[in-house]
Each structure stands twice: as structure tokens, then as C-alpha cells.
Amino acid sequence: MVVEYTQYRIPEDQREWFVDAYERAAGYLSESPHCLAYELSHSLEDQEHYILRVEWTSAQKHLEAFRNERGFPEFLRLVQPFAGNIERMNHYELTGIVLWKKTV
């Protein structure tokens, strides 16, 4: 498994549109057998920053298989308007140093 982190800088006047686009695009991530989990987070300190975190079965499956799936063109149509707002996008391997606590 790999984790993709994409950092966006979204101006205030585009935030509602951006979040709405990812709410709709999430369905296509859910349908992909290569996507294990995803979340979109919003910075408290810098309101323009968002981080999209996606767990993929592998970087290759993300970059090749997902992009050839039936729903990918619609996924891309939804998120493509924000491609110019990406500040950083990388795939990461887990180190094994993990703590997941159950939230109350």
C-alpha cells in the first residue's frame, strides 16, 4: 500500500466549489478496487490549504489502472479545474511506525 498526499491552495471564493467537487468525485474513488481509503482535510491555521490523502494498493495501480477505469473521465472532469492549485503531490510508503487510536 502507498499513501498519496496532495496539497492544494484554494482561494476563499473557490472553497465551496472545491469541496463540492471532491464530495462528488469521492464516489469514483469508492468504486475503484485500487483505492483503499481517502480523506480531504482543511487547515485550521491556513484556511487556503487542503490536503487530500488517498491510500492506494500501489502507486502503479493509481497511476495506470485507476486512470483506465470507467469512472475516471468523470472523476477527472470534477477535479481538473483545481489542478493548477496543487502545490505538492507525492506517493509515500508507510514506515511501520503507526498508531491509530479509536476516537470518542
PDB file of N, CA and C in Angstrom:
ATOM      1  N   MET A   1       0.834  -1.175   0.000  1.00  0.00           N
ATOM      2  CA  MET A   1       0.000   0.000   0.000  1.00  0.00           C
ATOM      3  C   MET A   1       0.884   1.246   0.000  1.00  0.00           C
ATOM      4  N   VAL A   2       0.412   2.290  -0.680  1.00  0.00           N
ATOM      5  CA  VAL A   2       1.066   3.590  -0.661  1.00  0.00           C
ATOM      6  C   VAL A   2       0.018   4.649  -0.318  1.00  0.00           C
ATOM      7  N   VAL A   3       0.503   5.776   0.184  1.00  0.00           N
ATOM      8  CA  VAL A   3      -0.386   6.882   0.511  1.00  0.00           C
ATOM      9  C   VAL A   3      -0.003   8.065  -0.368  1.00  0.00           C
ATOM     10  N   GLU A   4      -0.994   8.583  -1.067  1.00  0.00           N
ATOM     11  CA  GLU A   4      -0.805   9.776  -1.885  1.00  0.00           C
ATOM     12  C   GLU A   4      -1.284  10.977  -1.080  1.00  0.00           C
ATOM     13  N   TYR A   5      -0.432  11.997  -0.998  1.00  0.00           N
ATOM     14  CA  TYR A   5      -0.808  13.257  -0.367  1.00  0.00           C
ATOM     15  C   TYR A   5      -0.770  14.342  -1.438  1.00  0.00           C
ATOM     16  N   THR A   6      -1.871  15.058  -1.562  1.00  0.00           N
ATOM     17  CA  THR A   6      -1.937  16.176  -2.495  1.00  0.00           C
ATOM     18  C   THR A   6      -2.298  17.421  -1.704  1.00  0.00           C
ATOM     19  N   GLN A   7      -1.441  18.419  -1.777  1.00  0.00           N
ATOM     20  CA  GLN A   7      -1.677  19.674  -1.066  1.00  0.00           C
ATOM     21  C   GLN A   7      -2.184  20.711  -2.063  1.00  0.00           C
ATOM     22  N   TYR A   8      -3.327  21.284  -1.729  1.00  0.00           N
ATOM     23  CA  TYR A   8      -3.949  22.317  -2.551  1.00  0.00           C
ATOM     24  C   TYR A   8      -3.941  23.653  -1.828  1.00  0.00           C
ATOM     25  N   ARG A   9      -3.851  24.729  -2.589  1.00  0.00           N
ATOM     26  CA  ARG A   9      -4.106  26.073  -2.082  1.00  0.00           C
ATOM     27  C   ARG A   9      -5.332  26.576  -2.836  1.00  0.00           C
ATOM     28  N   ILE A  10      -6.433  26.711  -2.094  1.00  0.00           N
ATOM     29  CA  ILE A  10      -7.717  27.066  -2.688  1.00  0.00           C
ATOM     30  C   ILE A  10      -8.161  28.432  -2.152  1.00  0.00           C
ATOM     31  N   PRO A  11      -8.295  29.418  -3.027  1.00  0.00           N
ATOM     32  CA  PRO A  11      -8.763  30.732  -2.583  1.00  0.00           C
ATOM     33  C   PRO A  11     -10.180  30.649  -2.004  1.00  0.00           C
ATOM     34  N   GLU A  12     -10.493  31.574  -1.136  1.00  0.00           N
ATOM     35  CA  GLU A  12     -11.770  31.562  -0.431  1.00  0.00           C
ATOM     36  C   GLU A  12     -12.966  31.470  -1.373  1.00  0.00           C
ATOM     37  N   ASP A  13     -12.909  32.168  -2.493  1.00  0.00           N
ATOM     38  CA  ASP A  13     -14.051  32.183  -3.405  1.00  0.00           C
ATOM     39  C   ASP A  13     -14.245  30.871  -4.174  1.00  0.00           C
ATOM     40  N   GLN A  14     -13.293  29.919  -4.052  1.00  0.00           N
ATOM     41  CA  GLN A  14     -13.406  28.622  -4.730  1.00  0.00           C
ATOM     42  C   GLN A  14     -13.619  27.459  -3.768  1.00  0.00           C
ATOM     43  N   ARG A  15     -13.580  27.714  -2.461  1.00  0.00           N
ATOM     44  CA  ARG A  15     -13.621  26.626  -1.478  1.00  0.00           C
ATOM     45  C   ARG A  15     -14.889  25.783  -1.554  1.00  0.00           C
ATOM     46  N   GLU A  16     -16.031  26.410  -1.648  1.00  0.00           N
ATOM     47  CA  GLU A  16     -17.289  25.657  -1.708  1.00  0.00           C
ATOM     48  C   GLU A  16     -17.329  24.788  -2.958  1.00  0.00           C
ATOM     49  N   TRP A  17     -16.908  25.324  -4.078  1.00  0.00           N
ATOM     50  CA  TRP A  17     -16.864  24.590  -5.348  1.00  0.00           C
ATOM     51  C   TRP A  17     -15.892  23.415  -5.236  1.00  0.00           C
ATOM     52  N   PHE A  18     -14.719  23.654  -4.627  1.00  0.00           N
ATOM     53  CA  PHE A  18     -13.702  22.624  -4.462  1.00  0.00           C
ATOM     54  C   PHE A  18     -14.218  21.457  -3.612  1.00  0.00           C
ATOM     55  N   VAL A  19     -14.771  21.771  -2.457  1.00  0.00           N
ATOM     56  CA  VAL A  19     -15.289  20.728  -1.559  1.00  0.00           C
ATOM     57  C   VAL A  19     -16.423  19.965  -2.235  1.00  0.00           C
ATOM     58  N   ASP A  20     -17.302  20.668  -2.911  1.00  0.00           N
ATOM     59  CA  ASP A  20     -18.400  20.023  -3.628  1.00  0.00           C
ATOM     60  C   ASP A  20     -17.864  19.080  -4.711  1.00  0.00           C
ATOM     61  N   ALA A  21     -16.839  19.511  -5.424  1.00  0.00           N
ATOM     62  CA  ALA A  21     -16.248  18.663  -6.470  1.00  0.00           C
ATOM     63  C   ALA A  21     -15.703  17.375  -5.878  1.00  0.00           C
ATOM     64  N   TYR A  22     -15.019  17.470  -4.737  1.00  0.00           N
ATOM     65  CA  TYR A  22     -14.475  16.257  -4.117  1.00  0.00           C
ATOM     66  C   TYR A  22     -15.552  15.408  -3.454  1.00  0.00           C
ATOM     67  N   GLU A  23     -16.624  16.011  -2.998  1.00  0.00           N
ATOM     68  CA  GLU A  23     -17.741  15.198  -2.489  1.00  0.00           C
ATOM     69  C   GLU A  23     -18.303  14.332  -3.604  1.00  0.00           C
ATOM     70  N   ARG A  24     -18.427  14.895  -4.796  1.00  0.00           N
ATOM     71  CA  ARG A  24     -18.942  14.116  -5.927  1.00  0.00           C
ATOM     72  C   ARG A  24     -17.896  13.158  -6.480  1.00  0.00           C
ATOM     73  N   ALA A  25     -16.638  13.582  -6.511  1.00  0.00           N
ATOM     74  CA  ALA A  25     -15.563  12.734  -7.028  1.00  0.00           C
ATOM     75  C   ALA A  25     -15.284  11.539  -6.118  1.00  0.00           C
ATOM     76  N   ALA A  26     -15.614  11.667  -4.842  1.00  0.00           N
ATOM     77  CA  ALA A  26     -15.363  10.588  -3.883  1.00  0.00           C
ATOM     78  C   ALA A  26     -16.048   9.292  -4.293  1.00  0.00           C
ATOM     79  N   GLY A  27     -17.188   9.388  -4.942  1.00  0.00           N
ATOM     80  CA  GLY A  27     -17.882   8.181  -5.406  1.00  0.00           C
ATOM     81  C   GLY A  27     -17.038   7.366  -6.367  1.00  0.00           C
ATOM     82  N   TYR A  28     -16.273   8.039  -7.214  1.00  0.00           N
ATOM     83  CA  TYR A  28     -15.423   7.326  -8.170  1.00  0.00           C
ATOM     84  C   TYR A  28     -14.219   6.698  -7.478  1.00  0.00           C
ATOM     85  N   LEU A  29     -13.721   7.343  -6.433  1.00  0.00           N
ATOM     86  CA  LEU A  29     -12.663   6.724  -5.633  1.00  0.00           C
ATOM     87  C   LEU A  29     -13.209   5.497  -4.913  1.00  0.00           C
ATOM     88  N   SER A  30     -14.417   5.601  -4.375  1.00  0.00           N
ATOM     89  CA  SER A  30     -15.033   4.473  -3.671  1.00  0.00           C
ATOM     90  C   SER A  30     -15.213   3.260  -4.571  1.00  0.00           C
ATOM     91  N   GLU A  31     -15.541   3.507  -5.820  1.00  0.00           N
ATOM     92  CA  GLU A  31     -15.787   2.416  -6.763  1.00  0.00           C
ATOM     93  C   GLU A  31     -14.506   1.715  -7.206  1.00  0.00           C
ATOM     94  N   SER A  32     -13.369   2.362  -7.063  1.00  0.00           N
ATOM     95  CA  SER A  32     -12.120   1.784  -7.544  1.00  0.00           C
ATOM     96  C   SER A  32     -11.615   0.704  -6.591  1.00  0.00           C
ATOM     97  N   PRO A  33     -11.307  -0.477  -7.107  1.00  0.00           N
ATOM     98  CA  PRO A  33     -10.736  -1.521  -6.245  1.00  0.00           C
ATOM     99  C   PRO A  33      -9.312  -1.192  -5.806  1.00  0.00           C
ATOM    100  N   HIS A  34      -8.705  -0.182  -6.411  1.00  0.00           N
ATOM    101  CA  HIS A  34      -7.328   0.195  -6.094  1.00  0.00           C
ATOM    102  C   HIS A  34      -7.243   1.274  -5.018  1.00  0.00           C
ATOM    103  N   CYS A  35      -8.365   1.922  -4.724  1.00  0.00           N
ATOM    104  CA  CYS A  35      -8.421   2.938  -3.678  1.00  0.00           C
ATOM    105  C   CYS A  35      -8.921   2.281  -2.397  1.00  0.00           C
ATOM    106  N   LEU A  36      -8.114   2.336  -1.341  1.00  0.00           N
ATOM    107  CA  LEU A  36      -8.449   1.687  -0.080  1.00  0.00           C
ATOM    108  C   LEU A  36      -9.131   2.633   0.899  1.00  0.00           C
ATOM    109  N   ALA A  37      -8.779   3.923   0.846  1.00  0.00           N
ATOM    110  CA  ALA A  37      -9.353   4.931   1.746  1.00  0.00           C
ATOM    111  C   ALA A  37      -8.975   6.301   1.213  1.00  0.00           C
ATOM    112  N   TYR A  38      -9.728   7.305   1.639  1.00  0.00           N
ATOM    113  CA  TYR A  38      -9.411   8.674   1.250  1.00  0.00           C
ATOM    114  C   TYR A  38     -10.038   9.628   2.256  1.00  0.00           C
ATOM    115  N   GLU A  39      -9.450  10.825   2.325  1.00  0.00           N
ATOM    116  CA  GLU A  39     -10.000  11.885   3.168  1.00  0.00           C
ATOM    117  C   GLU A  39      -9.501  13.220   2.652  1.00  0.00           C
ATOM    118  N   LEU A  40     -10.315  14.225   2.826  1.00  0.00           N
ATOM    119  CA  LEU A  40      -9.940  15.594   2.487  1.00  0.00           C
ATOM    120  C   LEU A  40      -9.940  16.392   3.781  1.00  0.00           C
ATOM    121  N   SER A  41      -8.812  17.018   4.103  1.00  0.00           N
ATOM    122  CA  SER A  41      -8.680  17.797   5.333  1.00  0.00           C
ATOM    123  C   SER A  41      -8.443  19.256   4.990  1.00  0.00           C
ATOM    124  N   HIS A  42      -8.905  20.141   5.884  1.00  0.00           N
ATOM    125  CA  HIS A  42      -8.802  21.585   5.713  1.00  0.00           C
ATOM    126  C   HIS A  42      -7.972  22.152   6.856  1.00  0.00           C
ATOM    127  N   SER A  43      -6.987  22.965   6.553  1.00  0.00           N
ATOM    128  CA  SER A  43      -6.109  23.539   7.566  1.00  0.00           C
ATOM    129  C   SER A  43      -6.843  24.546   8.438  1.00  0.00           C
ATOM    130  N   LEU A  44      -6.620  24.439   9.726  1.00  0.00           N
ATOM    131  CA  LEU A  44      -7.163  25.416  10.668  1.00  0.00           C
ATOM    132  C   LEU A  44      -6.314  26.686  10.691  1.00  0.00           C
ATOM    133  N   GLU A  45      -4.998  26.522  10.529  1.00  0.00           N
ATOM    134  CA  GLU A  45      -4.087  27.654  10.613  1.00  0.00           C
ATOM    135  C   GLU A  45      -4.032  28.475   9.318  1.00  0.00           C
ATOM    136  N   ASP A  46      -4.099  27.811   8.188  1.00  0.00           N
ATOM    137  CA  ASP A  46      -4.032  28.492   6.889  1.00  0.00           C
ATOM    138  C   ASP A  46      -5.241  28.054   6.088  1.00  0.00           C
ATOM    139  N   GLN A  47      -6.266  28.833   6.111  1.00  0.00           N
ATOM    140  CA  GLN A  47      -7.565  28.462   5.547  1.00  0.00           C
ATOM    141  C   GLN A  47      -7.533  28.144   4.046  1.00  0.00           C
ATOM    142  N   GLU A  48      -6.491  28.549   3.352  1.00  0.00           N
ATOM    143  CA  GLU A  48      -6.390  28.238   1.921  1.00  0.00           C
ATOM    144  C   GLU A  48      -5.873  26.826   1.660  1.00  0.00           C
ATOM    145  N   HIS A  49      -5.325  26.155   2.681  1.00  0.00           N
ATOM    146  CA  HIS A  49      -4.716  24.841   2.462  1.00  0.00           C
ATOM    147  C   HIS A  49      -5.667  23.681   2.730  1.00  0.00           C
ATOM    148  N   TYR A  50      -5.641  22.735   1.809  1.00  0.00           N
ATOM    149  CA  TYR A  50      -6.349  21.462   1.920  1.00  0.00           C
ATOM    150  C   TYR A  50      -5.347  20.357   1.620  1.00  0.00           C
ATOM    151  N   ILE A  51      -5.524  19.215   2.273  1.00  0.00           N
ATOM    152  CA  ILE A  51      -4.723  18.025   1.988  1.00  0.00           C
ATOM    153  C   ILE A  51      -5.676  16.887   1.632  1.00  0.00           C
ATOM    154  N   LEU A  52      -5.456  16.311   0.464  1.00  0.00           N
ATOM    155  CA  LEU A  52      -6.176  15.103   0.068  1.00  0.00           C
ATOM    156  C   LEU A  52      -5.250  13.933   0.347  1.00  0.00           C
ATOM    157  N   ARG A  53      -5.731  12.972   1.130  1.00  0.00           N
ATOM    158  CA  ARG A  53      -4.966  11.769   1.470  1.00  0.00           C
ATOM    159  C   ARG A  53      -5.697  10.580   0.887  1.00  0.00           C
ATOM    160  N   VAL A  54      -5.001   9.819   0.036  1.00  0.00           N
ATOM    161  CA  VAL A  54      -5.607   8.649  -0.599  1.00  0.00           C
ATOM    162  C   VAL A  54      -4.687   7.453  -0.401  1.00  0.00           C
ATOM    163  N   GLU A  55      -5.243   6.369   0.090  1.00  0.00           N
ATOM    164  CA  GLU A  55      -4.499   5.114   0.205  1.00  0.00           C
ATOM    165  C   GLU A  55      -4.787   4.290  -1.047  1.00  0.00           C
ATOM    166  N   TRP A  56      -3.718   3.895  -1.721  1.00  0.00           N
ATOM    167  CA  TRP A  56      -3.821   3.086  -2.941  1.00  0.00           C
ATOM    168  C   TRP A  56      -3.154   1.735  -2.704  1.00  0.00           C
ATOM    169  N   THR A  57      -3.593   0.728  -3.442  1.00  0.00           N
ATOM    170  CA  THR A  57      -2.953  -0.581  -3.347  1.00  0.00           C
ATOM    171  C   THR A  57      -1.495  -0.500  -3.779  1.00  0.00           C
ATOM    172  N   SER A  58      -1.177   0.370  -4.747  1.00  0.00           N
ATOM    173  CA  SER A  58       0.197   0.638  -5.173  1.00  0.00           C
ATOM    174  C   SER A  58       0.193   1.920  -6.000  1.00  0.00           C
ATOM    175  N   ALA A  59       1.356   2.515  -6.143  1.00  0.00           N
ATOM    176  CA  ALA A  59       1.463   3.720  -6.983  1.00  0.00           C
ATOM    177  C   ALA A  59       1.134   3.368  -8.433  1.00  0.00           C
ATOM    178  N   GLN A  60       1.580   2.208  -8.880  1.00  0.00           N
ATOM    179  CA  GLN A  60       1.318   1.782 -10.252  1.00  0.00           C
ATOM    180  C   GLN A  60      -0.177   1.627 -10.502  1.00  0.00           C
ATOM    181  N   LYS A  61      -0.898   1.030  -9.564  1.00  0.00           N
ATOM    182  CA  LYS A  61      -2.345   0.854  -9.725  1.00  0.00           C
ATOM    183  C   LYS A  61      -3.051   2.207  -9.754  1.00  0.00           C
ATOM    184  N   HIS A  62      -2.546   3.167  -8.983  1.00  0.00           N
ATOM    185  CA  HIS A  62      -3.122   4.508  -9.026  1.00  0.00           C
ATOM    186  C   HIS A  62      -2.869   5.148 -10.386  1.00  0.00           C
ATOM    187  N   LEU A  63      -1.615   5.153 -10.806  1.00  0.00           N
ATOM    188  CA  LEU A  63      -1.227   5.895 -11.997  1.00  0.00           C
ATOM    189  C   LEU A  63      -1.639   5.219 -13.300  1.00  0.00           C
ATOM    190  N   GLU A  64      -1.818   3.912 -13.276  1.00  0.00           N
ATOM    191  CA  GLU A  64      -2.169   3.218 -14.515  1.00  0.00           C
ATOM    192  C   GLU A  64      -3.589   2.648 -14.478  1.00  0.00           C
ATOM    193  N   ALA A  65      -3.876   1.778 -13.534  1.00  0.00           N
ATOM    194  CA  ALA A  65      -5.176   1.094 -13.527  1.00  0.00           C
ATOM    195  C   ALA A  65      -6.333   2.051 -13.242  1.00  0.00           C
ATOM    196  N   PHE A  66      -6.215   2.869 -12.196  1.00  0.00           N
ATOM    197  CA  PHE A  66      -7.303   3.799 -11.859  1.00  0.00           C
ATOM    198  C   PHE A  66      -7.603   4.732 -13.025  1.00  0.00           C
ATOM    199  N   ARG A  67      -6.593   5.179 -13.696  1.00  0.00           N
ATOM    200  CA  ARG A  67      -6.775   6.122 -14.798  1.00  0.00           C
ATOM    201  C   ARG A  67      -7.384   5.481 -16.034  1.00  0.00           C
ATOM    202  N   ASN A  68      -7.490   4.157 -16.033  1.00  0.00           N
ATOM    203  CA  ASN A  68      -8.143   3.448 -17.139  1.00  0.00           C
ATOM    204  C   ASN A  68      -9.518   2.912 -16.763  1.00  0.00           C
ATOM    205  N   GLU A  69      -9.981   3.224 -15.557  1.00  0.00           N
ATOM    206  CA  GLU A  69     -11.296   2.742 -15.124  1.00  0.00           C
ATOM    207  C   GLU A  69     -12.415   3.555 -15.780  1.00  0.00           C
ATOM    208  N   ARG A  70     -13.566   2.952 -15.852  1.00  0.00           N
ATOM    209  CA  ARG A  70     -14.736   3.554 -16.496  1.00  0.00           C
ATOM    210  C   ARG A  70     -15.105   4.913 -15.904  1.00  0.00           C
ATOM    211  N   GLY A  71     -14.992   5.094 -14.588  1.00  0.00           N
ATOM    212  CA  GLY A  71     -15.396   6.336 -13.946  1.00  0.00           C
ATOM    213  C   GLY A  71     -14.340   7.427 -13.929  1.00  0.00           C
ATOM    214  N   PHE A  72     -13.120   7.106 -14.374  1.00  0.00           N
ATOM    215  CA  PHE A  72     -12.052   8.093 -14.285  1.00  0.00           C
ATOM    216  C   PHE A  72     -12.320   9.373 -15.077  1.00  0.00           C
ATOM    217  N   PRO A  73     -12.842   9.312 -16.296  1.00  0.00           N
ATOM    218  CA  PRO A  73     -13.085  10.576 -17.016  1.00  0.00           C
ATOM    219  C   PRO A  73     -13.987  11.539 -16.244  1.00  0.00           C
ATOM    220  N   GLU A  74     -15.011  11.032 -15.572  1.00  0.00           N
ATOM    221  CA  GLU A  74     -15.892  11.905 -14.799  1.00  0.00           C
ATOM    222  C   GLU A  74     -15.183  12.402 -13.539  1.00  0.00           C
ATOM    223  N   PHE A  75     -14.407  11.542 -12.888  1.00  0.00           N
ATOM    224  CA  PHE A  75     -13.601  11.964 -11.746  1.00  0.00           C
ATOM    225  C   PHE A  75     -12.693  13.122 -12.159  1.00  0.00           C
ATOM    226  N   LEU A  76     -12.001  12.951 -13.268  1.00  0.00           N
ATOM    227  CA  LEU A  76     -11.081  13.975 -13.747  1.00  0.00           C
ATOM    228  C   LEU A  76     -11.817  15.265 -14.090  1.00  0.00           C
ATOM    229  N   ARG A  77     -12.977  15.161 -14.703  1.00  0.00           N
ATOM    230  CA  ARG A  77     -13.758  16.347 -15.053  1.00  0.00           C
ATOM    231  C   ARG A  77     -14.097  17.167 -13.801  1.00  0.00           C
ATOM    232  N   LEU A  78     -14.374  16.476 -12.712  1.00  0.00           N
ATOM    233  CA  LEU A  78     -14.738  17.155 -11.469  1.00  0.00           C
ATOM    234  C   LEU A  78     -13.552  17.855 -10.805  1.00  0.00           C
ATOM    235  N   VAL A  79     -12.390  17.211 -10.793  1.00  0.00           N
ATOM    236  CA  VAL A  79     -11.252  17.765 -10.043  1.00  0.00           C
ATOM    237  C   VAL A  79     -10.253  18.534 -10.906  1.00  0.00           C
ATOM    238  N   GLN A  80     -10.308  18.372 -12.208  1.00  0.00           N
ATOM    239  CA  GLN A  80      -9.369  19.032 -13.122  1.00  0.00           C
ATOM    240  C   GLN A  80      -9.323  20.554 -12.962  1.00  0.00           C
ATOM    241  N   PRO A  81     -10.452  21.230 -12.694  1.00  0.00           N
ATOM    242  CA  PRO A  81     -10.378  22.686 -12.542  1.00  0.00           C
ATOM    243  C   PRO A  81      -9.438  23.146 -11.426  1.00  0.00           C
ATOM    244  N   PHE A  82      -9.063  22.250 -10.526  1.00  0.00           N
ATOM    245  CA  PHE A  82      -8.216  22.614  -9.389  1.00  0.00           C
ATOM    246  C   PHE A  82      -6.772  22.128  -9.558  1.00  0.00           C
ATOM    247  N   ALA A  83      -6.440  21.573 -10.692  1.00  0.00           N
ATOM    248  CA  ALA A  83      -5.079  21.062 -10.915  1.00  0.00           C
ATOM    249  C   ALA A  83      -4.040  22.170 -10.764  1.00  0.00           C
ATOM    250  N   GLY A  84      -4.360  23.360 -11.187  1.00  0.00           N
ATOM    251  CA  GLY A  84      -3.429  24.483 -11.055  1.00  0.00           C
ATOM    252  C   GLY A  84      -3.231  24.948  -9.622  1.00  0.00           C
ATOM    253  N   ASN A  85      -4.087  24.466  -8.705  1.00  0.00           N
ATOM    254  CA  ASN A  85      -3.989  24.831  -7.289  1.00  0.00           C
ATOM    255  C   ASN A  85      -3.146  23.835  -6.485  1.00  0.00           C
ATOM    256  N   ILE A  86      -2.655  22.793  -7.144  1.00  0.00           N
ATOM    257  CA  ILE A  86      -1.842  21.787  -6.452  1.00  0.00           C
ATOM    258  C   ILE A  86      -0.460  22.366  -6.176  1.00  0.00           C
ATOM    259  N   GLU A  87      -0.074  22.328  -4.914  1.00  0.00           N
ATOM    260  CA  GLU A  87       1.263  22.780  -4.522  1.00  0.00           C
ATOM    261  C   GLU A  87       2.244  21.617  -4.452  1.00  0.00           C
ATOM    262  N   ARG A  88       1.729  20.446  -4.108  1.00  0.00           N
ATOM    263  CA  ARG A  88       2.587  19.267  -3.983  1.00  0.00           C
ATOM    264  C   ARG A  88       1.727  18.023  -4.074  1.00  0.00           C
ATOM    265  N   MET A  89       2.245  16.994  -4.767  1.00  0.00           N
ATOM    266  CA  MET A  89       1.561  15.701  -4.837  1.00  0.00           C
ATOM    267  C   MET A  89       2.637  14.623  -4.887  1.00  0.00           C
ATOM    268  N   ASN A  90       2.624  13.747  -3.883  1.00  0.00           N
ATOM    269  CA  ASN A  90       3.616  12.682  -3.803  1.00  0.00           C
ATOM    270  C   ASN A  90       2.985  11.406  -3.261  1.00  0.00           C
ATOM    271  N   HIS A  91       3.625  10.282  -3.603  1.00  0.00           N
ATOM    272  CA  HIS A  91       3.263   8.987  -3.045  1.00  0.00           C
ATOM    273  C   HIS A  91       4.282   8.626  -1.973  1.00  0.00           C
ATOM    274  N   TYR A  92       3.801   8.055  -0.867  1.00  0.00           N
ATOM    275  CA  TYR A  92       4.652   7.707   0.263  1.00  0.00           C
ATOM    276  C   TYR A  92       4.445   6.251   0.653  1.00  0.00           C
ATOM    277  N   GLU A  93       5.554   5.616   1.072  1.00  0.00           N
ATOM    278  CA  GLU A  93       5.480   4.284   1.665  1.00  0.00           C
ATOM    279  C   GLU A  93       5.350   4.446   3.168  1.00  0.00           C
ATOM    280  N   LEU A  94       4.587   3.552   3.785  1.00  0.00           N
ATOM    281  CA  LEU A  94       4.478   3.572   5.231  1.00  0.00           C
ATOM    282  C   LEU A  94       5.763   3.027   5.844  1.00  0.00           C
ATOM    283  N   THR A  95       6.103   3.534   7.005  1.00  0.00           N
ATOM    284  CA  THR A  95       7.331   3.102   7.671  1.00  0.00           C
ATOM    285  C   THR A  95       7.100   1.988   8.675  1.00  0.00           C
ATOM    286  N   GLY A  96       5.868   1.767   9.049  1.00  0.00           N
ATOM    287  CA  GLY A  96       5.579   0.787  10.088  1.00  0.00           C
ATOM    288  C   GLY A  96       5.415   1.437  11.451  1.00  0.00           C
ATOM    289  N   ILE A  97       5.734   2.707  11.549  1.00  0.00           N
ATOM    290  CA  ILE A  97       5.531   3.445  12.799  1.00  0.00           C
ATOM    291  C   ILE A  97       4.139   4.062  12.707  1.00  0.00           C
ATOM    292  N   VAL A  98       3.180   3.398  13.348  1.00  0.00           N
ATOM    293  CA  VAL A  98       1.780   3.776  13.208  1.00  0.00           C
ATOM    294  C   VAL A  98       1.078   3.649  14.547  1.00  0.00           C
ATOM    295  N   LEU A  99       0.216   4.577  14.835  1.00  0.00           N
ATOM    296  CA  LEU A  99      -0.668   4.480  15.998  1.00  0.00           C
ATOM    297  C   LEU A  99      -2.027   4.977  15.577  1.00  0.00           C
ATOM    298  N   TRP A 100      -3.013   4.121  15.632  1.00  0.00           N
ATOM    299  CA  TRP A 100      -4.396   4.506  15.351  1.00  0.00           C
ATOM    300  C   TRP A 100      -5.162   4.352  16.644  1.00  0.00           C
ATOM    301  N   LYS A 101      -5.644   5.438  17.158  1.00  0.00           N
ATOM    302  CA  LYS A 101      -6.456   5.407  18.370  1.00  0.00           C
ATOM    303  C   LYS A 101      -7.911   5.565  17.987  1.00  0.00           C
ATOM    304  N   LYS A 102      -8.738   4.858  18.690  1.00  0.00           N
ATOM    305  CA  LYS A 102     -10.164   4.981  18.463  1.00  0.00           C
ATOM    306  C   LYS A 102     -10.606   6.345  18.999  1.00  0.00           C
ATOM    307  N   THR A 103     -11.352   7.093  18.184  1.00  0.00           N
ATOM    308  CA  THR A 103     -11.841   8.389  18.632  1.00  0.00           C
ATOM    309  C   THR A 103     -13.170   8.240  19.353  1.00  0.00           C
ATOM    310  N   VAL A 104     -13.407   9.126  20.274  1.00  0.00           N
ATOM    311  CA  VAL A 104     -14.630   9.078  21.078  1.00  0.00           C
ATOM    312  C   VAL A 104     -15.713   9.893  20.417  1.00  0.00           C
TER     313      VAL A 104
END
